[in-house]
Amino acid sequence: MIRLHGFAASNYFNMAKLALLEKGVDFEINNVHGSQDPAFLAMSPRGKVPVLETDKGFLNETNVILEYIEETQGGKPLLPSDPYERGVVRALTKEIELYIELPARSCFMEVFFGGKVDQAIKDKARVELQAGVATLARHGRFAPYVAGSEMTIADLLFLYSFDLACTVAQKLFDLDLKAELPQGAALLELLAQNPNVQKVAADRDAEMAAFMAAIRARK
């Protein structure tokens, strides 16, 4: 049986978890945080989660895990069958990660965990977030999903990246990214009605307080 290693407060873990739930895959969860412990590094060379355990070994990096799930598991497809359309989804997925998730992540310590982030990093994040949202507004179809009429892996990245980016932008820069991308705000509302999304959110909320307390304790 497939085993997903990670923890419910991790947005990348939740991308992989939602993919498995949407496809109806029978899987187990090993609740674990990333670490530099040699035993964990044997599973994840960078010591990060998520990690997907298969009958042939371990896979790390979320985009690789999502592609592997799509290629090996049945159920609901999360990539189109047409090669060009698959390319569109992959491009959107990469754009969301590089231009929205990662700039927002650079400020997580200040926004969510009570730390401080260098002003130069915040200035760069503001510029990149606005450019990233503009990129997605140009390239995303939002009909109603990011790449068109069906849910794809681009929506998994979007769901667990855009909302966090909105919080960062609002708290640090007084920017309303949802107003800049209203079709994105509408998609978040649509996805929130999905039972699997609701399950992931409930699991995340149940773990979040303890996770944030642990981060602050290490700060």
N, C-alpha and C. Protein backbone atom coordinates (compact mmCIF):
# COMPACT_ATOMS: atom_id res chain seq x y z
N MET A 1 0.84 -1.20 0.00
CA MET A 1 0.00 0.00 0.00
C MET A 1 0.88 1.25 0.00
N ILE A 2 0.44 2.28 -0.70
CA ILE A 2 1.13 3.56 -0.71
C ILE A 2 1.06 4.19 0.68
N ARG A 3 2.17 4.80 1.06
CA ARG A 3 2.23 5.47 2.36
C ARG A 3 2.74 6.89 2.16
N LEU A 4 2.01 7.86 2.68
CA LEU A 4 2.39 9.26 2.55
C LEU A 4 2.94 9.75 3.88
N HIS A 5 4.20 10.20 3.84
CA HIS A 5 4.88 10.69 5.03
C HIS A 5 4.80 12.22 5.06
N GLY A 6 4.41 12.78 6.19
CA GLY A 6 4.34 14.22 6.33
C GLY A 6 3.40 14.60 7.44
N PHE A 7 2.95 15.86 7.46
CA PHE A 7 2.08 16.32 8.54
C PHE A 7 1.05 17.29 7.98
N ALA A 8 -0.09 17.35 8.65
CA ALA A 8 -1.28 17.99 8.10
C ALA A 8 -1.18 19.51 8.03
N ALA A 9 -0.21 20.13 8.70
CA ALA A 9 -0.05 21.58 8.63
C ALA A 9 0.80 22.01 7.44
N SER A 10 1.36 21.06 6.72
CA SER A 10 2.20 21.35 5.56
C SER A 10 1.35 21.50 4.30
N ASN A 11 1.46 22.62 3.62
CA ASN A 11 0.65 22.80 2.41
C ASN A 11 1.09 21.86 1.30
N TYR A 12 2.38 21.56 1.20
CA TYR A 12 2.83 20.63 0.17
C TYR A 12 2.35 19.21 0.46
N PHE A 13 2.39 18.81 1.72
CA PHE A 13 1.83 17.51 2.10
C PHE A 13 0.37 17.44 1.71
N ASN A 14 -0.36 18.51 1.92
CA ASN A 14 -1.79 18.51 1.63
C ASN A 14 -2.07 18.44 0.14
N MET A 15 -1.18 18.95 -0.69
CA MET A 15 -1.34 18.79 -2.14
C MET A 15 -1.34 17.31 -2.51
N ALA A 16 -0.36 16.58 -2.00
CA ALA A 16 -0.26 15.16 -2.29
C ALA A 16 -1.42 14.38 -1.68
N LYS A 17 -1.78 14.74 -0.46
CA LYS A 17 -2.89 14.06 0.22
C LYS A 17 -4.19 14.24 -0.54
N LEU A 18 -4.46 15.46 -1.00
CA LEU A 18 -5.69 15.71 -1.74
C LEU A 18 -5.70 14.95 -3.06
N ALA A 19 -4.56 14.87 -3.72
CA ALA A 19 -4.49 14.11 -4.97
C ALA A 19 -4.89 12.65 -4.73
N LEU A 20 -4.38 12.05 -3.67
CA LEU A 20 -4.71 10.66 -3.35
C LEU A 20 -6.20 10.51 -3.03
N LEU A 21 -6.73 11.46 -2.27
CA LEU A 21 -8.15 11.40 -1.91
C LEU A 21 -9.04 11.58 -3.15
N GLU A 22 -8.68 12.52 -4.00
CA GLU A 22 -9.49 12.77 -5.20
C GLU A 22 -9.51 11.56 -6.12
N LYS A 23 -8.41 10.82 -6.18
CA LYS A 23 -8.33 9.66 -7.05
C LYS A 23 -8.86 8.39 -6.39
N GLY A 24 -9.22 8.50 -5.11
CA GLY A 24 -9.78 7.35 -4.42
C GLY A 24 -8.76 6.28 -4.12
N VAL A 25 -7.51 6.67 -3.90
CA VAL A 25 -6.43 5.72 -3.65
C VAL A 25 -6.47 5.27 -2.19
N ASP A 26 -6.26 4.00 -1.96
CA ASP A 26 -6.13 3.45 -0.61
C ASP A 26 -4.70 3.71 -0.15
N PHE A 27 -4.53 4.52 0.89
CA PHE A 27 -3.18 4.88 1.33
C PHE A 27 -3.15 5.06 2.84
N GLU A 28 -1.94 5.00 3.38
CA GLU A 28 -1.71 5.24 4.80
C GLU A 28 -0.94 6.54 4.97
N ILE A 29 -1.06 7.14 6.15
CA ILE A 29 -0.32 8.35 6.48
C ILE A 29 0.60 8.06 7.65
N ASN A 30 1.86 8.45 7.50
CA ASN A 30 2.81 8.43 8.62
C ASN A 30 3.04 9.87 9.02
N ASN A 31 2.51 10.24 10.19
CA ASN A 31 2.59 11.63 10.66
C ASN A 31 4.00 11.92 11.15
N VAL A 32 4.75 12.65 10.34
CA VAL A 32 6.15 12.91 10.65
C VAL A 32 6.54 14.27 10.09
N HIS A 33 7.43 14.95 10.80
CA HIS A 33 7.97 16.22 10.32
C HIS A 33 9.29 15.97 9.62
N GLY A 34 9.65 16.86 8.72
CA GLY A 34 10.96 16.75 8.09
C GLY A 34 12.07 16.93 9.11
N SER A 35 13.22 16.33 8.83
CA SER A 35 14.34 16.45 9.75
C SER A 35 15.64 16.08 9.04
N GLN A 36 16.73 16.34 9.71
CA GLN A 36 18.04 15.96 9.20
C GLN A 36 18.55 14.68 9.85
N ASP A 37 17.65 13.97 10.49
CA ASP A 37 18.01 12.67 11.06
C ASP A 37 18.40 11.71 9.94
N PRO A 38 19.49 10.96 10.11
CA PRO A 38 19.94 10.07 9.04
C PRO A 38 18.86 9.11 8.53
N ALA A 39 18.02 8.62 9.41
CA ALA A 39 16.97 7.69 8.98
C ALA A 39 15.97 8.39 8.07
N PHE A 40 15.66 9.66 8.38
CA PHE A 40 14.72 10.39 7.52
C PHE A 40 15.38 10.81 6.22
N LEU A 41 16.64 11.18 6.29
CA LEU A 41 17.37 11.57 5.08
C LEU A 41 17.49 10.40 4.10
N ALA A 42 17.44 9.19 4.60
CA ALA A 42 17.46 8.03 3.71
C ALA A 42 16.18 7.95 2.88
N MET A 43 15.10 8.57 3.37
CA MET A 43 13.84 8.61 2.62
C MET A 43 13.74 9.88 1.79
N SER A 44 14.17 10.98 2.36
CA SER A 44 14.05 12.30 1.72
C SER A 44 15.41 12.97 1.77
N PRO A 45 16.14 13.02 0.68
CA PRO A 45 17.54 13.49 0.69
C PRO A 45 17.72 14.91 1.23
N ARG A 46 16.71 15.75 1.12
CA ARG A 46 16.80 17.13 1.65
C ARG A 46 16.15 17.23 3.02
N GLY A 47 15.56 16.15 3.47
CA GLY A 47 14.95 16.14 4.79
C GLY A 47 13.60 16.83 4.86
N LYS A 48 12.90 16.92 3.72
CA LYS A 48 11.62 17.62 3.67
C LYS A 48 10.47 16.64 3.48
N VAL A 49 9.27 17.11 3.79
CA VAL A 49 8.04 16.38 3.47
C VAL A 49 7.31 17.15 2.38
N PRO A 50 6.46 16.45 1.63
CA PRO A 50 6.04 15.05 1.77
C PRO A 50 7.03 14.07 1.14
N VAL A 51 6.87 12.83 1.56
CA VAL A 51 7.57 11.70 0.94
C VAL A 51 6.52 10.63 0.65
N LEU A 52 6.58 10.07 -0.53
CA LEU A 52 5.66 9.01 -0.90
C LEU A 52 6.41 7.69 -0.90
N GLU A 53 5.93 6.75 -0.10
CA GLU A 53 6.54 5.43 -0.02
C GLU A 53 5.77 4.47 -0.91
N THR A 54 6.48 3.85 -1.86
CA THR A 54 5.88 2.90 -2.78
C THR A 54 6.50 1.54 -2.57
N ASP A 55 6.01 0.54 -3.30
CA ASP A 55 6.58 -0.80 -3.14
C ASP A 55 7.99 -0.89 -3.71
N LYS A 56 8.41 0.14 -4.46
CA LYS A 56 9.76 0.15 -5.02
C LYS A 56 10.72 1.09 -4.30
N GLY A 57 10.20 1.89 -3.39
CA GLY A 57 11.05 2.83 -2.67
C GLY A 57 10.34 4.14 -2.43
N PHE A 58 11.13 5.18 -2.15
CA PHE A 58 10.60 6.48 -1.75
C PHE A 58 10.74 7.50 -2.86
N LEU A 59 9.75 8.40 -2.93
CA LEU A 59 9.79 9.53 -3.86
C LEU A 59 9.61 10.82 -3.07
N ASN A 60 10.45 11.79 -3.37
CA ASN A 60 10.33 13.10 -2.74
C ASN A 60 10.06 14.15 -3.82
N GLU A 61 9.83 15.37 -3.40
CA GLU A 61 9.46 16.52 -4.23
C GLU A 61 8.00 16.39 -4.69
N THR A 62 7.21 17.37 -4.30
CA THR A 62 5.77 17.28 -4.46
C THR A 62 5.34 17.13 -5.91
N ASN A 63 5.96 17.90 -6.81
CA ASN A 63 5.55 17.80 -8.22
C ASN A 63 5.79 16.40 -8.77
N VAL A 64 6.88 15.78 -8.35
CA VAL A 64 7.19 14.41 -8.78
C VAL A 64 6.17 13.44 -8.20
N ILE A 65 5.84 13.63 -6.94
CA ILE A 65 4.84 12.77 -6.29
C ILE A 65 3.49 12.88 -7.00
N LEU A 66 3.08 14.08 -7.33
CA LEU A 66 1.80 14.27 -8.01
C LEU A 66 1.79 13.60 -9.37
N GLU A 67 2.88 13.73 -10.09
CA GLU A 67 2.97 13.09 -11.41
C GLU A 67 2.95 11.57 -11.27
N TYR A 68 3.65 11.06 -10.27
CA TYR A 68 3.69 9.60 -10.05
C TYR A 68 2.29 9.08 -9.71
N ILE A 69 1.59 9.78 -8.84
CA ILE A 69 0.23 9.38 -8.50
C ILE A 69 -0.64 9.33 -9.74
N GLU A 70 -0.51 10.35 -10.58
CA GLU A 70 -1.32 10.41 -11.79
C GLU A 70 -0.98 9.26 -12.74
N GLU A 71 0.30 8.93 -12.85
CA GLU A 71 0.73 7.91 -13.81
C GLU A 71 0.43 6.49 -13.35
N THR A 72 0.35 6.27 -12.05
CA THR A 72 0.26 4.90 -11.54
C THR A 72 -1.09 4.54 -10.93
N GLN A 73 -1.91 5.53 -10.63
CA GLN A 73 -3.16 5.25 -9.95
C GLN A 73 -4.35 5.52 -10.87
N GLY A 74 -5.40 4.76 -10.67
CA GLY A 74 -6.62 4.98 -11.44
C GLY A 74 -7.45 6.10 -10.85
N GLY A 75 -8.74 6.01 -11.07
CA GLY A 75 -9.63 7.01 -10.51
C GLY A 75 -9.66 8.28 -11.32
N LYS A 76 -10.04 9.34 -10.69
CA LYS A 76 -10.23 10.64 -11.34
C LYS A 76 -8.92 11.15 -11.93
N PRO A 77 -8.88 11.46 -13.23
CA PRO A 77 -7.65 12.01 -13.81
C PRO A 77 -7.40 13.43 -13.34
N LEU A 78 -6.16 13.74 -13.04
CA LEU A 78 -5.78 15.08 -12.62
C LEU A 78 -4.86 15.76 -13.64
N LEU A 79 -4.70 15.12 -14.78
CA LEU A 79 -4.03 15.71 -15.93
C LEU A 79 -4.85 15.37 -17.17
N PRO A 80 -4.95 16.29 -18.12
CA PRO A 80 -5.71 15.99 -19.35
C PRO A 80 -5.02 14.91 -20.18
N SER A 81 -5.78 14.26 -21.05
CA SER A 81 -5.21 13.23 -21.92
C SER A 81 -4.45 13.84 -23.09
N ASP A 82 -4.82 15.03 -23.52
CA ASP A 82 -4.17 15.68 -24.65
C ASP A 82 -2.79 16.20 -24.24
N PRO A 83 -1.73 15.90 -25.00
CA PRO A 83 -0.37 16.32 -24.62
C PRO A 83 -0.22 17.83 -24.46
N TYR A 84 -0.83 18.61 -25.37
CA TYR A 84 -0.72 20.06 -25.24
C TYR A 84 -1.40 20.55 -23.97
N GLU A 85 -2.59 20.04 -23.70
CA GLU A 85 -3.31 20.46 -22.50
C GLU A 85 -2.58 20.04 -21.23
N ARG A 86 -1.92 18.88 -21.28
CA ARG A 86 -1.09 18.47 -20.13
C ARG A 86 0.04 19.47 -19.92
N GLY A 87 0.62 19.93 -21.03
CA GLY A 87 1.67 20.93 -20.94
C GLY A 87 1.18 22.23 -20.34
N VAL A 88 -0.03 22.64 -20.71
CA VAL A 88 -0.62 23.86 -20.14
C VAL A 88 -0.76 23.72 -18.63
N VAL A 89 -1.28 22.59 -18.18
CA VAL A 89 -1.44 22.36 -16.74
C VAL A 89 -0.09 22.39 -16.04
N ARG A 90 0.89 21.74 -16.61
CA ARG A 90 2.22 21.71 -15.98
C ARG A 90 2.83 23.10 -15.90
N ALA A 91 2.63 23.91 -16.95
CA ALA A 91 3.15 25.27 -16.93
C ALA A 91 2.47 26.09 -15.85
N LEU A 92 1.15 25.98 -15.75
CA LEU A 92 0.42 26.70 -14.71
C LEU A 92 0.86 26.27 -13.31
N THR A 93 1.07 24.98 -13.15
CA THR A 93 1.52 24.46 -11.87
C THR A 93 2.86 25.06 -11.48
N LYS A 94 3.78 25.10 -12.43
CA LYS A 94 5.11 25.66 -12.16
C LYS A 94 5.03 27.15 -11.89
N GLU A 95 4.19 27.86 -12.62
CA GLU A 95 4.05 29.30 -12.40
C GLU A 95 3.50 29.60 -11.01
N ILE A 96 2.52 28.82 -10.57
CA ILE A 96 1.95 29.02 -9.24
C ILE A 96 3.02 28.81 -8.17
N GLU A 97 3.79 27.76 -8.32
CA GLU A 97 4.81 27.46 -7.31
C GLU A 97 5.92 28.52 -7.30
N LEU A 98 6.46 28.84 -8.48
CA LEU A 98 7.61 29.75 -8.55
C LEU A 98 7.24 31.19 -8.25
N TYR A 99 6.09 31.64 -8.73
CA TYR A 99 5.78 33.06 -8.71
C TYR A 99 4.77 33.47 -7.65
N ILE A 100 4.16 32.49 -6.99
CA ILE A 100 3.21 32.81 -5.92
C ILE A 100 3.61 32.12 -4.62
N GLU A 101 3.74 30.79 -4.64
CA GLU A 101 4.02 30.06 -3.40
C GLU A 101 5.38 30.43 -2.81
N LEU A 102 6.42 30.41 -3.62
CA LEU A 102 7.76 30.63 -3.08
C LEU A 102 7.99 32.07 -2.60
N PRO A 103 7.54 33.11 -3.32
CA PRO A 103 7.67 34.45 -2.75
C PRO A 103 6.92 34.61 -1.43
N ALA A 104 5.72 34.05 -1.36
CA ALA A 104 4.97 34.12 -0.11
C ALA A 104 5.71 33.37 1.00
N ARG A 105 6.25 32.22 0.68
CA ARG A 105 6.95 31.39 1.67
C ARG A 105 8.12 32.13 2.29
N SER A 106 8.78 32.99 1.54
CA SER A 106 9.93 33.71 2.07
C SER A 106 9.55 34.62 3.23
N CYS A 107 8.26 34.89 3.39
CA CYS A 107 7.78 35.76 4.47
C CYS A 107 6.98 35.02 5.53
N PHE A 108 6.87 33.72 5.43
CA PHE A 108 6.05 32.96 6.37
C PHE A 108 6.50 33.17 7.82
N MET A 109 7.80 33.25 8.06
CA MET A 109 8.28 33.34 9.43
C MET A 109 7.72 34.56 10.14
N GLU A 110 7.62 35.68 9.43
CA GLU A 110 7.09 36.89 10.06
C GLU A 110 5.56 36.86 10.14
N VAL A 111 4.92 36.39 9.10
CA VAL A 111 3.46 36.46 9.03
C VAL A 111 2.80 35.45 9.97
N PHE A 112 3.34 34.23 10.03
CA PHE A 112 2.67 33.16 10.75
C PHE A 112 3.32 32.77 12.08
N PHE A 113 4.61 33.05 12.23
CA PHE A 113 5.32 32.48 13.37
C PHE A 113 5.99 33.50 14.28
N GLY A 114 5.68 34.78 14.10
CA GLY A 114 6.17 35.79 15.03
C GLY A 114 7.63 36.15 14.88
N GLY A 115 8.26 35.75 13.79
CA GLY A 115 9.65 36.10 13.57
C GLY A 115 9.79 37.40 12.79
N LYS A 116 10.98 37.65 12.30
CA LYS A 116 11.25 38.85 11.50
C LYS A 116 11.92 38.44 10.20
N VAL A 117 11.52 39.08 9.12
CA VAL A 117 12.10 38.85 7.80
C VAL A 117 12.74 40.14 7.33
N ASP A 118 13.92 40.03 6.76
CA ASP A 118 14.65 41.20 6.27
C ASP A 118 13.79 42.01 5.30
N GLN A 119 13.87 43.32 5.40
CA GLN A 119 13.04 44.19 4.57
C GLN A 119 13.28 43.97 3.08
N ALA A 120 14.53 43.71 2.71
CA ALA A 120 14.82 43.48 1.29
C ALA A 120 14.10 42.24 0.77
N ILE A 121 13.99 41.21 1.61
CA ILE A 121 13.25 39.99 1.22
C ILE A 121 11.77 40.31 1.07
N LYS A 122 11.24 41.11 1.98
CA LYS A 122 9.83 41.48 1.90
C LYS A 122 9.55 42.33 0.66
N ASP A 123 10.44 43.25 0.38
CA ASP A 123 10.26 44.09 -0.81
C ASP A 123 10.24 43.24 -2.08
N LYS A 124 11.16 42.28 -2.14
CA LYS A 124 11.23 41.39 -3.30
C LYS A 124 9.97 40.53 -3.39
N ALA A 125 9.49 40.04 -2.24
CA ALA A 125 8.29 39.21 -2.23
C ALA A 125 7.08 39.98 -2.72
N ARG A 126 6.97 41.24 -2.34
CA ARG A 126 5.82 42.05 -2.78
C ARG A 126 5.80 42.18 -4.31
N VAL A 127 6.92 42.51 -4.87
CA VAL A 127 7.00 42.66 -6.33
C VAL A 127 6.69 41.34 -7.02
N GLU A 128 7.26 40.26 -6.51
CA GLU A 128 7.09 38.95 -7.15
C GLU A 128 5.66 38.45 -7.01
N LEU A 129 5.04 38.69 -5.87
CA LEU A 129 3.66 38.25 -5.69
C LEU A 129 2.71 38.96 -6.66
N GLN A 130 2.88 40.25 -6.81
CA GLN A 130 2.02 40.98 -7.72
C GLN A 130 2.25 40.54 -9.17
N ALA A 131 3.50 40.30 -9.51
CA ALA A 131 3.80 39.81 -10.85
C ALA A 131 3.26 38.40 -11.05
N GLY A 132 3.35 37.59 -10.01
CA GLY A 132 2.84 36.21 -10.10
C GLY A 132 1.35 36.16 -10.29
N VAL A 133 0.63 37.00 -9.56
CA VAL A 133 -0.82 37.04 -9.70
C VAL A 133 -1.20 37.56 -11.08
N ALA A 134 -0.46 38.55 -11.59
CA ALA A 134 -0.72 39.05 -12.94
C ALA A 134 -0.47 37.96 -13.98
N THR A 135 0.58 37.17 -13.76
CA THR A 135 0.87 36.05 -14.66
C THR A 135 -0.27 35.05 -14.69
N LEU A 136 -0.75 34.70 -13.50
CA LEU A 136 -1.84 33.73 -13.41
C LEU A 136 -3.13 34.29 -14.01
N ALA A 137 -3.36 35.58 -13.86
CA ALA A 137 -4.55 36.19 -14.45
C ALA A 137 -4.50 36.12 -15.97
N ARG A 138 -3.30 36.25 -16.54
CA ARG A 138 -3.16 36.16 -17.99
C ARG A 138 -3.26 34.73 -18.50
N HIS A 139 -2.68 33.80 -17.76
CA HIS A 139 -2.53 32.44 -18.27
C HIS A 139 -3.62 31.49 -17.80
N GLY A 140 -4.11 31.68 -16.58
CA GLY A 140 -5.14 30.79 -16.06
C GLY A 140 -6.46 30.98 -16.78
N ARG A 141 -7.20 29.89 -16.92
CA ARG A 141 -8.49 29.95 -17.62
C ARG A 141 -9.65 30.18 -16.66
N PHE A 142 -9.59 29.57 -15.48
CA PHE A 142 -10.62 29.74 -14.45
C PHE A 142 -12.01 29.52 -15.04
N ALA A 143 -12.22 28.30 -15.58
CA ALA A 143 -13.48 27.99 -16.26
C ALA A 143 -14.16 26.71 -15.77
N PRO A 144 -14.38 26.50 -14.48
CA PRO A 144 -14.05 27.40 -13.39
C PRO A 144 -12.69 27.10 -12.74
N TYR A 145 -12.05 25.98 -13.15
CA TYR A 145 -10.78 25.59 -12.56
C TYR A 145 -9.63 26.29 -13.26
N VAL A 146 -8.46 26.23 -12.67
CA VAL A 146 -7.32 27.00 -13.16
C VAL A 146 -7.06 26.74 -14.64
N ALA A 147 -7.09 25.46 -15.06
CA ALA A 147 -6.75 25.12 -16.44
C ALA A 147 -7.96 24.87 -17.32
N GLY A 148 -9.17 25.02 -16.78
CA GLY A 148 -10.35 24.78 -17.61
C GLY A 148 -11.51 24.23 -16.83
N SER A 149 -12.23 23.30 -17.44
CA SER A 149 -13.49 22.81 -16.87
C SER A 149 -13.31 21.70 -15.85
N GLU A 150 -12.11 21.11 -15.76
CA GLU A 150 -11.87 19.99 -14.85
C GLU A 150 -10.78 20.32 -13.85
N MET A 151 -10.89 19.75 -12.67
CA MET A 151 -9.86 19.90 -11.64
C MET A 151 -8.59 19.17 -12.07
N THR A 152 -7.44 19.82 -11.89
CA THR A 152 -6.15 19.22 -12.24
C THR A 152 -5.15 19.48 -11.12
N ILE A 153 -3.93 19.02 -11.32
CA ILE A 153 -2.90 19.27 -10.31
C ILE A 153 -2.62 20.76 -10.16
N ALA A 154 -2.92 21.57 -11.17
CA ALA A 154 -2.75 23.02 -11.04
C ALA A 154 -3.64 23.57 -9.93
N ASP A 155 -4.82 22.98 -9.77
CA ASP A 155 -5.72 23.42 -8.71
C ASP A 155 -5.21 23.03 -7.33
N LEU A 156 -4.50 21.91 -7.25
CA LEU A 156 -3.92 21.50 -5.97
C LEU A 156 -2.87 22.51 -5.53
N LEU A 157 -2.00 22.92 -6.48
CA LEU A 157 -1.00 23.94 -6.16
C LEU A 157 -1.68 25.25 -5.81
N PHE A 158 -2.68 25.62 -6.60
CA PHE A 158 -3.37 26.88 -6.38
C PHE A 158 -4.04 26.92 -5.00
N LEU A 159 -4.76 25.88 -4.67
CA LEU A 159 -5.52 25.83 -3.43
C LEU A 159 -4.63 26.03 -2.21
N TYR A 160 -3.47 25.38 -2.21
CA TYR A 160 -2.61 25.42 -1.04
C TYR A 160 -1.46 26.41 -1.16
N SER A 161 -1.55 27.32 -2.14
CA SER A 161 -0.56 28.37 -2.30
C SER A 161 -1.19 29.76 -2.29
N PHE A 162 -2.29 29.93 -3.04
CA PHE A 162 -2.85 31.26 -3.23
C PHE A 162 -3.42 31.83 -1.94
N ASP A 163 -4.12 31.02 -1.18
CA ASP A 163 -4.73 31.52 0.06
C ASP A 163 -3.66 31.99 1.04
N LEU A 164 -2.58 31.23 1.17
CA LEU A 164 -1.47 31.63 2.04
C LEU A 164 -0.82 32.91 1.53
N ALA A 165 -0.66 33.00 0.22
CA ALA A 165 -0.08 34.20 -0.37
C ALA A 165 -0.97 35.42 -0.11
N CYS A 166 -2.28 35.22 -0.15
CA CYS A 166 -3.20 36.32 0.15
C CYS A 166 -3.01 36.82 1.58
N THR A 167 -2.81 35.90 2.51
CA THR A 167 -2.59 36.29 3.90
C THR A 167 -1.29 37.08 4.05
N VAL A 168 -0.23 36.61 3.41
CA VAL A 168 1.05 37.32 3.44
C VAL A 168 0.90 38.72 2.87
N ALA A 169 0.28 38.83 1.71
CA ALA A 169 0.13 40.13 1.05
C ALA A 169 -0.70 41.09 1.89
N GLN A 170 -1.76 40.59 2.51
CA GLN A 170 -2.63 41.45 3.31
C GLN A 170 -1.91 41.93 4.56
N LYS A 171 -1.26 41.03 5.27
CA LYS A 171 -0.65 41.38 6.55
C LYS A 171 0.59 42.24 6.39
N LEU A 172 1.40 41.96 5.38
CA LEU A 172 2.67 42.68 5.24
C LEU A 172 2.56 43.92 4.37
N PHE A 173 1.72 43.85 3.33
CA PHE A 173 1.73 44.91 2.32
C PHE A 173 0.38 45.60 2.15
N ASP A 174 -0.61 45.19 2.91
CA ASP A 174 -1.97 45.72 2.76
C ASP A 174 -2.45 45.60 1.31
N LEU A 175 -2.12 44.47 0.70
CA LEU A 175 -2.53 44.17 -0.67
C LEU A 175 -3.63 43.11 -0.65
N ASP A 176 -4.65 43.28 -1.43
CA ASP A 176 -5.73 42.31 -1.54
C ASP A 176 -5.57 41.54 -2.85
N LEU A 177 -4.88 40.41 -2.78
CA LEU A 177 -4.65 39.63 -3.99
C LEU A 177 -5.93 39.02 -4.53
N LYS A 178 -6.89 38.76 -3.67
CA LYS A 178 -8.16 38.22 -4.15
C LYS A 178 -8.90 39.26 -4.99
N ALA A 179 -8.75 40.53 -4.63
CA ALA A 179 -9.36 41.58 -5.45
C ALA A 179 -8.65 41.71 -6.79
N GLU A 180 -7.33 41.44 -6.78
CA GLU A 180 -6.58 41.50 -8.03
C GLU A 180 -6.85 40.28 -8.91
N LEU A 181 -7.29 39.19 -8.30
CA LEU A 181 -7.61 37.98 -9.05
C LEU A 181 -8.97 37.45 -8.57
N PRO A 182 -10.05 38.13 -8.90
CA PRO A 182 -11.37 37.72 -8.38
C PRO A 182 -11.78 36.33 -8.83
N GLN A 183 -11.33 35.91 -10.03
CA GLN A 183 -11.64 34.56 -10.48
C GLN A 183 -10.94 33.52 -9.60
N GLY A 184 -9.79 33.89 -9.03
CA GLY A 184 -9.11 33.02 -8.09
C GLY A 184 -9.86 32.92 -6.78
N ALA A 185 -10.40 34.04 -6.31
CA ALA A 185 -11.21 34.03 -5.09
C ALA A 185 -12.45 33.15 -5.28
N ALA A 186 -13.06 33.23 -6.45
CA ALA A 186 -14.23 32.40 -6.73
C ALA A 186 -13.86 30.92 -6.75
N LEU A 187 -12.69 30.61 -7.28
CA LEU A 187 -12.25 29.21 -7.32
C LEU A 187 -12.00 28.68 -5.90
N LEU A 188 -11.42 29.49 -5.04
CA LEU A 188 -11.23 29.05 -3.66
C LEU A 188 -12.56 28.70 -3.01
N GLU A 189 -13.59 29.50 -3.28
CA GLU A 189 -14.91 29.22 -2.73
C GLU A 189 -15.47 27.92 -3.29
N LEU A 190 -15.27 27.69 -4.57
CA LEU A 190 -15.74 26.45 -5.19
C LEU A 190 -15.03 25.24 -4.60
N LEU A 191 -13.72 25.32 -4.49
CA LEU A 191 -12.95 24.19 -3.96
C LEU A 191 -13.30 23.91 -2.50
N ALA A 192 -13.67 24.94 -1.77
CA ALA A 192 -14.01 24.76 -0.36
C ALA A 192 -15.26 23.91 -0.19
N GLN A 193 -16.05 23.73 -1.24
CA GLN A 193 -17.24 22.89 -1.17
C GLN A 193 -16.94 21.41 -1.42
N ASN A 194 -15.73 21.12 -1.84
CA ASN A 194 -15.33 19.74 -2.15
C ASN A 194 -15.14 18.96 -0.84
N PRO A 195 -15.79 17.81 -0.65
CA PRO A 195 -15.67 17.06 0.60
C PRO A 195 -14.24 16.66 0.95
N ASN A 196 -13.44 16.33 -0.06
CA ASN A 196 -12.04 15.96 0.23
C ASN A 196 -11.24 17.17 0.67
N VAL A 197 -11.51 18.32 0.09
CA VAL A 197 -10.86 19.56 0.53
C VAL A 197 -11.25 19.87 1.97
N GLN A 198 -12.50 19.65 2.30
CA GLN A 198 -12.98 19.89 3.66
C GLN A 198 -12.31 18.94 4.65
N LYS A 199 -12.09 17.69 4.25
CA LYS A 199 -11.41 16.73 5.12
C LYS A 199 -9.97 17.16 5.39
N VAL A 200 -9.27 17.55 4.33
CA VAL A 200 -7.89 18.00 4.48
C VAL A 200 -7.83 19.23 5.39
N ALA A 201 -8.77 20.15 5.19
CA ALA A 201 -8.80 21.37 6.01
C ALA A 201 -9.05 21.04 7.48
N ALA A 202 -9.94 20.11 7.74
CA ALA A 202 -10.23 19.73 9.13
C ALA A 202 -9.01 19.11 9.79
N ASP A 203 -8.31 18.25 9.06
CA ASP A 203 -7.09 17.64 9.61
C ASP A 203 -6.02 18.70 9.86
N ARG A 204 -5.90 19.65 8.91
CA ARG A 204 -4.92 20.73 9.06
C ARG A 204 -5.24 21.58 10.29
N ASP A 205 -6.49 21.97 10.43
CA ASP A 205 -6.88 22.84 11.54
C ASP A 205 -6.67 22.15 12.89
N ALA A 206 -6.88 20.84 12.92
CA ALA A 206 -6.71 20.09 14.16
C ALA A 206 -5.25 20.07 14.61
N GLU A 207 -4.34 20.18 13.67
CA GLU A 207 -2.91 20.09 13.99
C GLU A 207 -2.23 21.45 14.07
N MET A 208 -2.84 22.48 13.52
CA MET A 208 -2.15 23.75 13.30
C MET A 208 -1.67 24.43 14.57
N ALA A 209 -2.48 24.46 15.62
CA ALA A 209 -2.10 25.17 16.84
C ALA A 209 -0.82 24.59 17.44
N ALA A 210 -0.75 23.28 17.51
CA ALA A 210 0.45 22.63 18.07
C ALA A 210 1.66 22.87 17.19
N PHE A 211 1.46 22.84 15.88
CA PHE A 211 2.56 23.06 14.95
C PHE A 211 3.13 24.47 15.10
N MET A 212 2.26 25.47 15.15
CA MET A 212 2.72 26.86 15.27
C MET A 212 3.40 27.10 16.60
N ALA A 213 2.91 26.48 17.66
CA ALA A 213 3.54 26.61 18.96
C ALA A 213 4.95 26.03 18.95
N ALA A 214 5.11 24.90 18.26
CA ALA A 214 6.43 24.27 18.18
C ALA A 214 7.39 25.13 17.39
N ILE A 215 6.93 25.74 16.31
CA ILE A 215 7.78 26.63 15.52
C ILE A 215 8.23 27.83 16.34
N ARG A 216 7.28 28.44 17.05
CA ARG A 216 7.63 29.61 17.87
C ARG A 216 8.62 29.25 18.97
N ALA A 217 8.50 28.04 19.49
CA ALA A 217 9.40 27.61 20.56
C ALA A 217 10.83 27.46 20.05
N ARG A 218 10.97 27.13 18.77
CA ARG A 218 12.31 26.95 18.19
C ARG A 218 12.90 28.26 17.68
N LYS A 219 12.07 29.31 17.59
CA LYS A 219 12.49 30.59 16.98
C LYS A 219 13.62 31.24 17.78
